[in-house]
N, C-alpha and C. Protein backbone atom coordinates (compact mmCIF):
# COMPACT_ATOMS: atom_id res chain seq x y z
N UNK A 1 5.25 -126.98 118.11
CA UNK A 1 6.54 -126.49 117.63
C UNK A 1 6.90 -125.15 118.27
N UNK A 2 5.93 -124.23 118.24
CA UNK A 2 6.18 -122.89 118.79
C UNK A 2 6.39 -122.94 120.30
N UNK A 3 5.70 -123.86 120.95
CA UNK A 3 5.87 -123.98 122.42
C UNK A 3 7.28 -124.48 122.77
N UNK A 4 7.81 -125.40 121.98
CA UNK A 4 9.19 -125.84 122.24
C UNK A 4 10.18 -124.74 121.92
N UNK A 5 9.88 -123.92 120.92
CA UNK A 5 10.73 -122.76 120.64
C UNK A 5 10.66 -121.75 121.78
N UNK A 6 9.51 -121.64 122.42
CA UNK A 6 9.40 -120.75 123.59
C UNK A 6 10.25 -121.26 124.75
N UNK A 7 10.36 -122.58 124.88
CA UNK A 7 11.26 -123.13 125.91
C UNK A 7 12.71 -122.77 125.58
N UNK A 8 13.08 -122.86 124.30
CA UNK A 8 14.42 -122.44 123.87
C UNK A 8 14.61 -120.96 124.18
N UNK A 9 13.61 -120.15 123.89
CA UNK A 9 13.66 -118.72 124.18
C UNK A 9 13.88 -118.47 125.66
N UNK A 10 13.19 -119.23 126.48
CA UNK A 10 13.34 -119.09 127.94
C UNK A 10 14.76 -119.44 128.37
N UNK A 11 15.33 -120.47 127.79
CA UNK A 11 16.71 -120.86 128.10
C UNK A 11 17.67 -119.75 127.68
N UNK A 12 17.47 -119.19 126.48
CA UNK A 12 18.31 -118.09 126.00
C UNK A 12 18.20 -116.89 126.93
N UNK A 13 16.98 -116.59 127.38
CA UNK A 13 16.77 -115.47 128.30
C UNK A 13 17.51 -115.68 129.62
N UNK A 14 17.50 -116.92 130.12
CA UNK A 14 18.24 -117.21 131.37
C UNK A 14 19.73 -117.03 131.16
N UNK A 15 20.23 -117.48 130.02
CA UNK A 15 21.64 -117.28 129.70
C UNK A 15 21.94 -115.78 129.60
N UNK A 16 21.03 -115.05 128.96
CA UNK A 16 21.19 -113.60 128.83
C UNK A 16 21.20 -112.89 130.17
N UNK A 17 20.39 -113.36 131.10
CA UNK A 17 20.38 -112.80 132.46
C UNK A 17 21.74 -112.98 133.11
N UNK A 18 22.32 -114.16 132.95
CA UNK A 18 23.64 -114.43 133.55
C UNK A 18 24.71 -113.56 132.90
N UNK A 19 24.65 -113.43 131.59
CA UNK A 19 25.61 -112.58 130.88
C UNK A 19 25.44 -111.14 131.33
N UNK A 20 24.20 -110.70 131.53
CA UNK A 20 23.94 -109.34 132.00
C UNK A 20 24.50 -109.10 133.39
N UNK A 21 24.35 -110.08 134.28
CA UNK A 21 24.93 -109.95 135.63
C UNK A 21 26.45 -109.86 135.56
N UNK A 22 27.04 -110.65 134.67
CA UNK A 22 28.49 -110.60 134.48
C UNK A 22 28.92 -109.23 133.97
N UNK A 23 28.18 -108.68 133.01
CA UNK A 23 28.49 -107.35 132.48
C UNK A 23 28.37 -106.29 133.58
N UNK A 24 27.36 -106.41 134.43
CA UNK A 24 27.21 -105.46 135.54
C UNK A 24 28.39 -105.55 136.50
N UNK A 25 28.84 -106.77 136.79
CA UNK A 25 30.01 -106.94 137.66
C UNK A 25 31.27 -106.34 137.03
N UNK A 26 31.37 -106.46 135.72
CA UNK A 26 32.53 -105.89 135.04
C UNK A 26 32.57 -104.37 135.17
N UNK A 27 31.41 -103.72 135.17
CA UNK A 27 31.36 -102.27 135.39
C UNK A 27 31.87 -101.96 136.80
N UNK A 28 31.40 -102.71 137.77
CA UNK A 28 31.85 -102.51 139.15
C UNK A 28 33.36 -102.70 139.26
N UNK A 29 33.87 -103.80 138.71
CA UNK A 29 35.30 -104.06 138.78
C UNK A 29 36.10 -102.99 138.03
N UNK A 30 35.56 -102.50 136.93
CA UNK A 30 36.22 -101.43 136.18
C UNK A 30 36.35 -100.18 137.05
N UNK A 31 35.30 -99.85 137.78
CA UNK A 31 35.35 -98.69 138.68
C UNK A 31 36.35 -98.90 139.81
N UNK A 32 36.38 -100.12 140.37
CA UNK A 32 37.32 -100.43 141.45
C UNK A 32 38.76 -100.34 140.95
N UNK A 33 39.01 -100.92 139.78
CA UNK A 33 40.35 -100.86 139.20
C UNK A 33 40.75 -99.41 138.93
N UNK A 34 39.83 -98.63 138.39
CA UNK A 34 40.11 -97.22 138.09
C UNK A 34 40.43 -96.43 139.35
N UNK A 35 39.62 -96.60 140.39
CA UNK A 35 39.86 -95.87 141.64
C UNK A 35 41.16 -96.34 142.29
N UNK A 36 41.41 -97.63 142.29
CA UNK A 36 42.65 -98.16 142.88
C UNK A 36 43.86 -97.67 142.12
N UNK A 37 43.76 -97.67 140.80
CA UNK A 37 44.87 -97.19 139.98
C UNK A 37 45.16 -95.72 140.25
N UNK A 38 44.11 -94.90 140.37
CA UNK A 38 44.31 -93.48 140.66
C UNK A 38 44.94 -93.30 142.05
N UNK A 39 44.48 -94.07 143.01
CA UNK A 39 45.03 -93.99 144.37
C UNK A 39 46.52 -94.35 144.38
N UNK A 40 46.85 -95.44 143.73
CA UNK A 40 48.24 -95.89 143.70
C UNK A 40 49.11 -94.92 142.89
N UNK A 41 48.59 -94.45 141.78
CA UNK A 41 49.35 -93.56 140.92
C UNK A 41 49.64 -92.22 141.61
N UNK A 42 48.62 -91.63 142.19
CA UNK A 42 48.80 -90.29 142.78
C UNK A 42 49.18 -90.34 144.26
N UNK A 43 48.79 -91.41 144.95
CA UNK A 43 49.13 -91.52 146.37
C UNK A 43 50.52 -92.05 146.62
N UNK A 44 50.96 -92.97 145.77
CA UNK A 44 52.25 -93.62 145.98
C UNK A 44 53.23 -93.39 144.84
N UNK A 45 52.82 -92.60 143.87
CA UNK A 45 53.66 -92.26 142.71
C UNK A 45 54.20 -93.52 142.01
N UNK A 46 53.32 -94.51 141.87
CA UNK A 46 53.68 -95.75 141.18
C UNK A 46 52.69 -95.96 140.04
N UNK A 47 53.20 -96.36 138.91
CA UNK A 47 52.32 -96.52 137.76
C UNK A 47 52.71 -97.75 136.97
N UNK A 48 51.70 -98.34 136.36
CA UNK A 48 51.91 -99.48 135.48
C UNK A 48 50.80 -99.45 134.43
N UNK A 49 51.05 -100.06 133.29
CA UNK A 49 50.05 -100.04 132.21
C UNK A 49 48.94 -101.06 132.39
N UNK A 50 49.22 -102.18 133.05
CA UNK A 50 48.21 -103.22 133.10
C UNK A 50 46.92 -102.80 133.79
N UNK A 51 46.96 -101.97 134.88
CA UNK A 51 45.66 -101.59 135.45
C UNK A 51 44.82 -100.73 134.50
N UNK A 52 45.47 -99.86 133.74
CA UNK A 52 44.74 -99.05 132.76
C UNK A 52 44.12 -99.93 131.68
N UNK A 53 44.92 -100.89 131.20
CA UNK A 53 44.40 -101.79 130.17
C UNK A 53 43.29 -102.67 130.73
N UNK A 54 43.46 -103.16 131.95
CA UNK A 54 42.42 -103.98 132.57
C UNK A 54 41.12 -103.19 132.70
N UNK A 55 41.24 -101.92 133.06
CA UNK A 55 40.05 -101.07 133.20
C UNK A 55 39.30 -100.98 131.88
N UNK A 56 39.98 -100.70 130.79
CA UNK A 56 39.22 -100.60 129.55
C UNK A 56 38.87 -101.95 128.97
N UNK A 57 39.57 -103.02 129.30
CA UNK A 57 39.13 -104.36 128.92
C UNK A 57 37.80 -104.68 129.60
N UNK A 58 37.73 -104.40 130.89
CA UNK A 58 36.50 -104.67 131.64
C UNK A 58 35.34 -103.83 131.11
N UNK A 59 35.60 -102.56 130.84
CA UNK A 59 34.54 -101.70 130.33
C UNK A 59 34.10 -102.16 128.94
N UNK A 60 35.06 -102.45 128.06
CA UNK A 60 34.72 -102.93 126.71
C UNK A 60 33.94 -104.23 126.74
N UNK A 61 34.35 -105.14 127.61
CA UNK A 61 33.65 -106.42 127.74
C UNK A 61 32.24 -106.21 128.26
N UNK A 62 32.07 -105.27 129.18
CA UNK A 62 30.73 -105.02 129.72
C UNK A 62 29.80 -104.46 128.65
N UNK A 63 30.34 -103.63 127.77
CA UNK A 63 29.52 -103.08 126.68
C UNK A 63 29.14 -104.19 125.70
N UNK A 64 30.13 -104.99 125.27
CA UNK A 64 29.84 -106.04 124.29
C UNK A 64 28.90 -107.11 124.85
N UNK A 65 29.11 -107.49 126.10
CA UNK A 65 28.26 -108.52 126.69
C UNK A 65 26.92 -107.96 127.17
N UNK A 66 26.92 -106.71 127.56
CA UNK A 66 25.70 -106.09 128.07
C UNK A 66 24.67 -105.78 126.99
N UNK A 67 25.10 -105.77 125.73
CA UNK A 67 24.17 -105.44 124.64
C UNK A 67 23.01 -106.42 124.57
N UNK A 68 23.29 -107.70 124.73
CA UNK A 68 22.22 -108.70 124.64
C UNK A 68 21.25 -108.57 125.81
N UNK A 69 21.78 -108.30 126.99
CA UNK A 69 20.93 -108.11 128.18
C UNK A 69 20.06 -106.85 128.02
N UNK A 70 20.65 -105.81 127.50
CA UNK A 70 19.91 -104.56 127.27
C UNK A 70 18.78 -104.79 126.27
N UNK A 71 19.06 -105.55 125.23
CA UNK A 71 18.03 -105.86 124.24
C UNK A 71 16.92 -106.70 124.86
N UNK A 72 17.29 -107.66 125.69
CA UNK A 72 16.30 -108.51 126.36
C UNK A 72 15.36 -107.68 127.22
N UNK A 73 15.87 -106.68 127.91
CA UNK A 73 15.07 -105.85 128.81
C UNK A 73 14.36 -104.70 128.07
N UNK A 74 14.51 -104.68 126.75
CA UNK A 74 13.90 -103.64 125.92
C UNK A 74 14.36 -102.24 126.35
N UNK A 75 15.61 -102.13 126.73
CA UNK A 75 16.19 -100.85 127.15
C UNK A 75 17.12 -100.28 126.10
N UNK A 76 17.13 -100.88 124.92
CA UNK A 76 18.00 -100.42 123.84
C UNK A 76 17.44 -99.13 123.23
N UNK A 77 18.28 -98.44 122.51
CA UNK A 77 17.87 -97.20 121.85
C UNK A 77 16.99 -97.55 120.66
N UNK A 78 15.89 -96.86 120.57
CA UNK A 78 14.95 -97.10 119.48
C UNK A 78 14.54 -95.75 118.91
N UNK A 79 14.59 -95.62 117.60
CA UNK A 79 14.11 -94.41 116.96
C UNK A 79 12.59 -94.53 116.89
N UNK A 80 11.91 -93.69 117.65
CA UNK A 80 10.47 -93.85 117.87
C UNK A 80 9.65 -92.85 117.05
N UNK A 81 9.90 -92.78 115.77
CA UNK A 81 9.10 -91.88 114.93
C UNK A 81 7.74 -92.48 114.61
N UNK A 82 7.71 -93.78 114.37
CA UNK A 82 6.47 -94.45 113.99
C UNK A 82 6.05 -95.43 115.08
N UNK A 83 7.00 -96.12 115.66
CA UNK A 83 6.77 -97.24 116.56
C UNK A 83 5.79 -96.93 117.68
N UNK A 84 5.92 -95.78 118.32
CA UNK A 84 5.07 -95.44 119.46
C UNK A 84 3.66 -95.05 119.08
N UNK A 85 3.40 -94.88 117.80
CA UNK A 85 2.09 -94.40 117.35
C UNK A 85 1.28 -95.47 116.62
N UNK A 86 1.73 -96.72 116.72
CA UNK A 86 1.01 -97.81 116.06
C UNK A 86 0.53 -98.81 117.11
N UNK A 87 -0.31 -99.72 116.68
CA UNK A 87 -0.86 -100.72 117.60
C UNK A 87 0.23 -101.68 118.07
N UNK A 88 -0.07 -102.40 119.14
CA UNK A 88 0.87 -103.37 119.68
C UNK A 88 1.19 -104.45 118.64
N UNK A 89 0.18 -104.88 117.91
CA UNK A 89 0.39 -105.90 116.87
C UNK A 89 1.33 -105.38 115.78
N UNK A 90 1.17 -104.15 115.37
CA UNK A 90 2.06 -103.57 114.36
C UNK A 90 3.47 -103.43 114.92
N UNK A 91 3.59 -103.09 116.20
CA UNK A 91 4.91 -103.02 116.83
C UNK A 91 5.59 -104.39 116.79
N UNK A 92 4.82 -105.44 117.04
CA UNK A 92 5.39 -106.79 116.97
C UNK A 92 5.90 -107.10 115.57
N UNK A 93 5.12 -106.72 114.55
CA UNK A 93 5.55 -106.94 113.17
C UNK A 93 6.80 -106.12 112.84
N UNK A 94 6.87 -104.90 113.32
CA UNK A 94 8.06 -104.06 113.11
C UNK A 94 9.27 -104.73 113.75
N UNK A 95 9.09 -105.22 114.99
CA UNK A 95 10.19 -105.90 115.68
C UNK A 95 10.64 -107.15 114.93
N UNK A 96 9.68 -107.94 114.45
CA UNK A 96 10.02 -109.16 113.71
C UNK A 96 10.82 -108.80 112.46
N UNK A 97 10.35 -107.81 111.74
CA UNK A 97 11.06 -107.38 110.53
C UNK A 97 12.47 -106.89 110.87
N UNK A 98 12.58 -106.08 111.90
CA UNK A 98 13.88 -105.53 112.29
C UNK A 98 14.87 -106.60 112.71
N UNK A 99 14.40 -107.58 113.46
CA UNK A 99 15.28 -108.66 113.91
C UNK A 99 15.74 -109.51 112.71
N UNK A 100 14.79 -109.86 111.83
CA UNK A 100 15.13 -110.71 110.69
C UNK A 100 15.98 -109.97 109.66
N UNK A 101 15.62 -108.74 109.35
CA UNK A 101 16.28 -108.01 108.27
C UNK A 101 17.58 -107.33 108.69
N UNK A 102 17.67 -106.92 109.94
CA UNK A 102 18.83 -106.13 110.35
C UNK A 102 19.65 -106.77 111.47
N UNK A 103 19.03 -107.06 112.59
CA UNK A 103 19.78 -107.51 113.76
C UNK A 103 20.51 -108.82 113.53
N UNK A 104 19.77 -109.87 113.15
CA UNK A 104 20.41 -111.19 112.99
C UNK A 104 21.48 -111.20 111.90
N UNK A 105 21.21 -110.66 110.70
CA UNK A 105 22.28 -110.67 109.69
C UNK A 105 23.52 -109.88 110.13
N UNK A 106 23.31 -108.71 110.75
CA UNK A 106 24.45 -107.91 111.17
C UNK A 106 25.24 -108.61 112.27
N UNK A 107 24.55 -109.15 113.26
CA UNK A 107 25.25 -109.83 114.37
C UNK A 107 26.00 -111.06 113.89
N UNK A 108 25.38 -111.85 113.05
CA UNK A 108 26.06 -113.04 112.56
C UNK A 108 27.26 -112.67 111.69
N UNK A 109 27.11 -111.66 110.86
CA UNK A 109 28.22 -111.21 110.02
C UNK A 109 29.36 -110.66 110.89
N UNK A 110 29.04 -109.79 111.85
CA UNK A 110 30.08 -109.20 112.70
C UNK A 110 30.73 -110.25 113.58
N UNK A 111 29.97 -111.21 114.04
CA UNK A 111 30.53 -112.28 114.85
C UNK A 111 31.52 -113.10 114.03
N UNK A 112 31.12 -113.48 112.84
CA UNK A 112 31.99 -114.27 111.98
C UNK A 112 33.24 -113.49 111.57
N UNK A 113 33.05 -112.24 111.13
CA UNK A 113 34.20 -111.43 110.70
C UNK A 113 35.16 -111.15 111.86
N UNK A 114 34.62 -110.84 113.02
CA UNK A 114 35.51 -110.54 114.15
C UNK A 114 36.21 -111.80 114.65
N UNK A 115 35.58 -112.95 114.52
CA UNK A 115 36.25 -114.21 114.88
C UNK A 115 37.42 -114.46 113.93
N UNK A 116 37.10 -114.33 112.63
CA UNK A 116 38.07 -114.66 111.59
C UNK A 116 39.19 -113.62 111.48
N UNK A 117 38.84 -112.35 111.54
CA UNK A 117 39.82 -111.30 111.24
C UNK A 117 40.37 -110.58 112.47
N UNK A 118 39.73 -110.72 113.60
CA UNK A 118 40.19 -110.02 114.80
C UNK A 118 40.76 -110.99 115.82
N UNK A 119 39.95 -111.96 116.24
CA UNK A 119 40.39 -112.86 117.30
C UNK A 119 41.43 -113.88 116.83
N UNK A 120 41.13 -114.65 115.77
CA UNK A 120 42.04 -115.73 115.37
C UNK A 120 43.46 -115.27 115.07
N UNK A 121 43.65 -114.16 114.32
CA UNK A 121 45.03 -113.72 114.11
C UNK A 121 45.73 -113.34 115.42
N UNK A 122 45.00 -112.77 116.34
CA UNK A 122 45.56 -112.42 117.64
C UNK A 122 45.89 -113.67 118.45
N UNK A 123 45.01 -114.66 118.40
CA UNK A 123 45.23 -115.92 119.11
C UNK A 123 46.43 -116.67 118.53
N UNK A 124 46.54 -116.66 117.18
CA UNK A 124 47.63 -117.39 116.52
C UNK A 124 49.01 -116.94 116.99
N UNK A 125 49.15 -115.66 117.29
CA UNK A 125 50.46 -115.14 117.72
C UNK A 125 50.50 -114.85 119.22
N UNK A 126 49.40 -115.20 119.92
CA UNK A 126 49.28 -114.88 121.36
C UNK A 126 49.65 -113.42 121.60
N UNK A 127 48.95 -112.56 120.88
CA UNK A 127 49.24 -111.13 120.86
C UNK A 127 49.27 -110.52 122.26
N UNK A 128 50.27 -109.71 122.48
CA UNK A 128 50.45 -108.99 123.74
C UNK A 128 50.34 -107.50 123.47
N UNK A 129 50.07 -106.75 124.50
CA UNK A 129 50.05 -105.30 124.39
C UNK A 129 51.44 -104.79 124.02
N UNK A 130 51.48 -103.75 123.24
CA UNK A 130 52.76 -103.12 122.88
C UNK A 130 53.31 -102.30 124.04
N UNK A 131 52.48 -102.00 125.03
CA UNK A 131 52.92 -101.21 126.18
C UNK A 131 53.68 -102.08 127.17
N UNK A 132 54.68 -101.51 127.78
CA UNK A 132 55.44 -102.24 128.81
C UNK A 132 54.50 -102.60 129.96
N UNK A 133 54.53 -103.85 130.37
CA UNK A 133 53.66 -104.29 131.47
C UNK A 133 52.21 -104.45 131.07
N UNK A 134 51.93 -104.43 129.77
CA UNK A 134 50.55 -104.54 129.29
C UNK A 134 50.04 -105.96 129.32
N UNK A 135 48.77 -106.11 129.05
CA UNK A 135 48.08 -107.41 129.10
C UNK A 135 48.05 -108.08 127.73
N UNK A 136 47.75 -109.37 127.72
CA UNK A 136 47.52 -110.05 126.43
C UNK A 136 46.30 -109.44 125.74
N UNK A 137 46.33 -109.36 124.43
CA UNK A 137 45.23 -108.75 123.67
C UNK A 137 44.19 -109.76 123.21
N UNK A 138 44.57 -111.01 123.01
CA UNK A 138 43.62 -111.97 122.43
C UNK A 138 42.39 -112.22 123.30
N UNK A 139 42.46 -112.17 124.65
CA UNK A 139 41.22 -112.40 125.41
C UNK A 139 40.16 -111.32 125.15
N UNK A 140 40.57 -110.06 125.08
CA UNK A 140 39.57 -109.01 124.85
C UNK A 140 39.07 -109.07 123.41
N UNK A 141 39.90 -109.53 122.50
CA UNK A 141 39.45 -109.65 121.12
C UNK A 141 38.45 -110.80 120.95
N UNK A 142 38.49 -111.78 121.84
CA UNK A 142 37.49 -112.85 121.83
C UNK A 142 36.12 -112.33 122.24
N UNK A 143 36.10 -111.30 123.07
CA UNK A 143 34.82 -110.75 123.56
C UNK A 143 33.98 -110.19 122.41
N UNK A 144 34.62 -109.70 121.36
CA UNK A 144 33.86 -109.10 120.24
C UNK A 144 32.97 -110.13 119.56
N UNK A 145 33.50 -111.26 119.05
CA UNK A 145 32.58 -112.22 118.43
C UNK A 145 31.61 -112.85 119.43
N UNK A 146 32.06 -113.04 120.66
CA UNK A 146 31.16 -113.62 121.68
C UNK A 146 30.00 -112.65 121.96
N UNK A 147 30.30 -111.36 122.06
CA UNK A 147 29.25 -110.36 122.30
C UNK A 147 28.24 -110.31 121.17
N UNK A 148 28.71 -110.34 119.93
CA UNK A 148 27.79 -110.34 118.79
C UNK A 148 26.99 -111.64 118.72
N UNK A 149 27.61 -112.76 119.06
CA UNK A 149 26.88 -114.04 119.08
C UNK A 149 25.80 -114.03 120.16
N UNK A 150 26.12 -113.47 121.33
CA UNK A 150 25.13 -113.38 122.41
C UNK A 150 23.97 -112.49 122.00
N UNK A 151 24.26 -111.39 121.31
CA UNK A 151 23.20 -110.50 120.83
C UNK A 151 22.35 -111.21 119.77
N UNK A 152 22.98 -112.00 118.91
CA UNK A 152 22.21 -112.76 117.91
C UNK A 152 21.31 -113.78 118.59
N UNK A 153 21.83 -114.46 119.60
CA UNK A 153 21.00 -115.42 120.35
C UNK A 153 19.80 -114.73 120.99
N UNK A 154 20.06 -113.57 121.60
CA UNK A 154 18.96 -112.85 122.23
C UNK A 154 17.97 -112.36 121.18
N UNK A 155 18.47 -111.98 120.02
CA UNK A 155 17.59 -111.60 118.92
C UNK A 155 16.69 -112.75 118.51
N UNK A 156 17.25 -113.96 118.46
CA UNK A 156 16.46 -115.15 118.15
C UNK A 156 15.37 -115.36 119.20
N UNK A 157 15.73 -115.18 120.47
CA UNK A 157 14.75 -115.33 121.55
C UNK A 157 13.62 -114.31 121.40
N UNK A 158 13.98 -113.06 121.13
CA UNK A 158 12.97 -112.02 120.98
C UNK A 158 12.09 -112.28 119.76
N UNK A 159 12.68 -112.81 118.71
CA UNK A 159 11.92 -113.16 117.51
C UNK A 159 10.89 -114.24 117.83
N UNK A 160 11.31 -115.27 118.56
CA UNK A 160 10.40 -116.35 118.94
C UNK A 160 9.24 -115.80 119.77
N UNK A 161 9.55 -114.94 120.74
CA UNK A 161 8.49 -114.39 121.61
C UNK A 161 7.50 -113.55 120.82
N UNK A 162 8.00 -112.78 119.87
CA UNK A 162 7.10 -111.93 119.09
C UNK A 162 6.24 -112.76 118.13
N UNK A 163 6.81 -113.79 117.53
CA UNK A 163 6.02 -114.66 116.67
C UNK A 163 4.94 -115.38 117.49
N UNK A 164 5.30 -115.81 118.69
CA UNK A 164 4.31 -116.45 119.57
C UNK A 164 3.19 -115.48 119.94
N UNK A 165 3.53 -114.22 120.14
CA UNK A 165 2.50 -113.23 120.46
C UNK A 165 1.59 -112.99 119.25
N UNK A 166 2.17 -112.91 118.06
CA UNK A 166 1.36 -112.74 116.84
C UNK A 166 0.43 -113.94 116.66
N UNK A 167 0.94 -115.14 116.97
CA UNK A 167 0.15 -116.36 116.81
C UNK A 167 -0.90 -116.52 117.90
N UNK A 168 -0.85 -115.66 118.93
CA UNK A 168 -1.83 -115.71 119.99
C UNK A 168 -1.51 -116.71 121.09
N UNK A 169 -0.31 -117.26 121.07
CA UNK A 169 0.09 -118.23 122.10
C UNK A 169 0.46 -117.51 123.39
N UNK A 170 1.05 -116.35 123.27
CA UNK A 170 1.42 -115.54 124.44
C UNK A 170 0.94 -114.12 124.21
N UNK A 171 0.94 -113.36 125.30
CA UNK A 171 0.71 -111.92 125.22
C UNK A 171 1.96 -111.24 125.73
N UNK A 172 2.09 -109.97 125.43
CA UNK A 172 3.28 -109.26 125.89
C UNK A 172 2.91 -108.30 126.99
N UNK A 173 3.71 -108.32 128.05
CA UNK A 173 3.61 -107.35 129.13
C UNK A 173 4.18 -106.04 128.61
N UNK A 174 3.48 -104.97 128.77
CA UNK A 174 3.93 -103.67 128.25
C UNK A 174 5.19 -103.17 128.91
N UNK A 175 5.48 -103.60 130.12
CA UNK A 175 6.65 -103.10 130.83
C UNK A 175 7.94 -103.54 130.17
N UNK A 176 8.11 -104.85 130.00
CA UNK A 176 9.36 -105.36 129.45
C UNK A 176 9.17 -106.10 128.14
N UNK A 177 7.97 -106.13 127.64
CA UNK A 177 7.64 -106.88 126.43
C UNK A 177 8.07 -108.34 126.57
N UNK A 178 7.78 -108.91 127.72
CA UNK A 178 8.07 -110.31 127.95
C UNK A 178 6.77 -111.08 127.78
N UNK A 179 6.85 -112.30 127.30
CA UNK A 179 5.61 -113.06 127.11
C UNK A 179 4.95 -113.40 128.43
N UNK A 180 3.64 -113.30 128.44
CA UNK A 180 2.84 -113.69 129.59
C UNK A 180 2.08 -114.93 129.17
N UNK A 181 2.26 -116.01 129.93
CA UNK A 181 1.61 -117.27 129.51
C UNK A 181 0.50 -117.65 130.44
């Protein structure tokens, strides 16, 4: 059972890698849009709202989608008052507790609430920016529940890997806390 869950975890990790690459590209495109917008605005004295909105849409999407990739790579912010001073096994138990008690409930709740209260109302009216020449708002509002769902999926993957390590099926590499089989 746990070995098939590890295969699911591996699939989630591969999906997370792709989402992470997409988030990285969005940062690059955000910088390109920002530089191009500044060049056009100050070099040619031409301005429009859509490049500004596109820039922060790309940046916002990269943050929401990049969270799951950051969690996968164990690069997230961690308050290390106790965690760094306990055994690896205790760290695994702390991670399991944190994912079950905090991460998964919060991500699932935020994903559901943002789908229901943020995206769907915007989609129903095909919401547009109030700014002249602005972009549609519903696509960026879809990124919020998708980002939380991706983080919940990655949380499930990390939970599976840590349970497998506790059960002795895998060990964790100290660098990225990835299972070694």
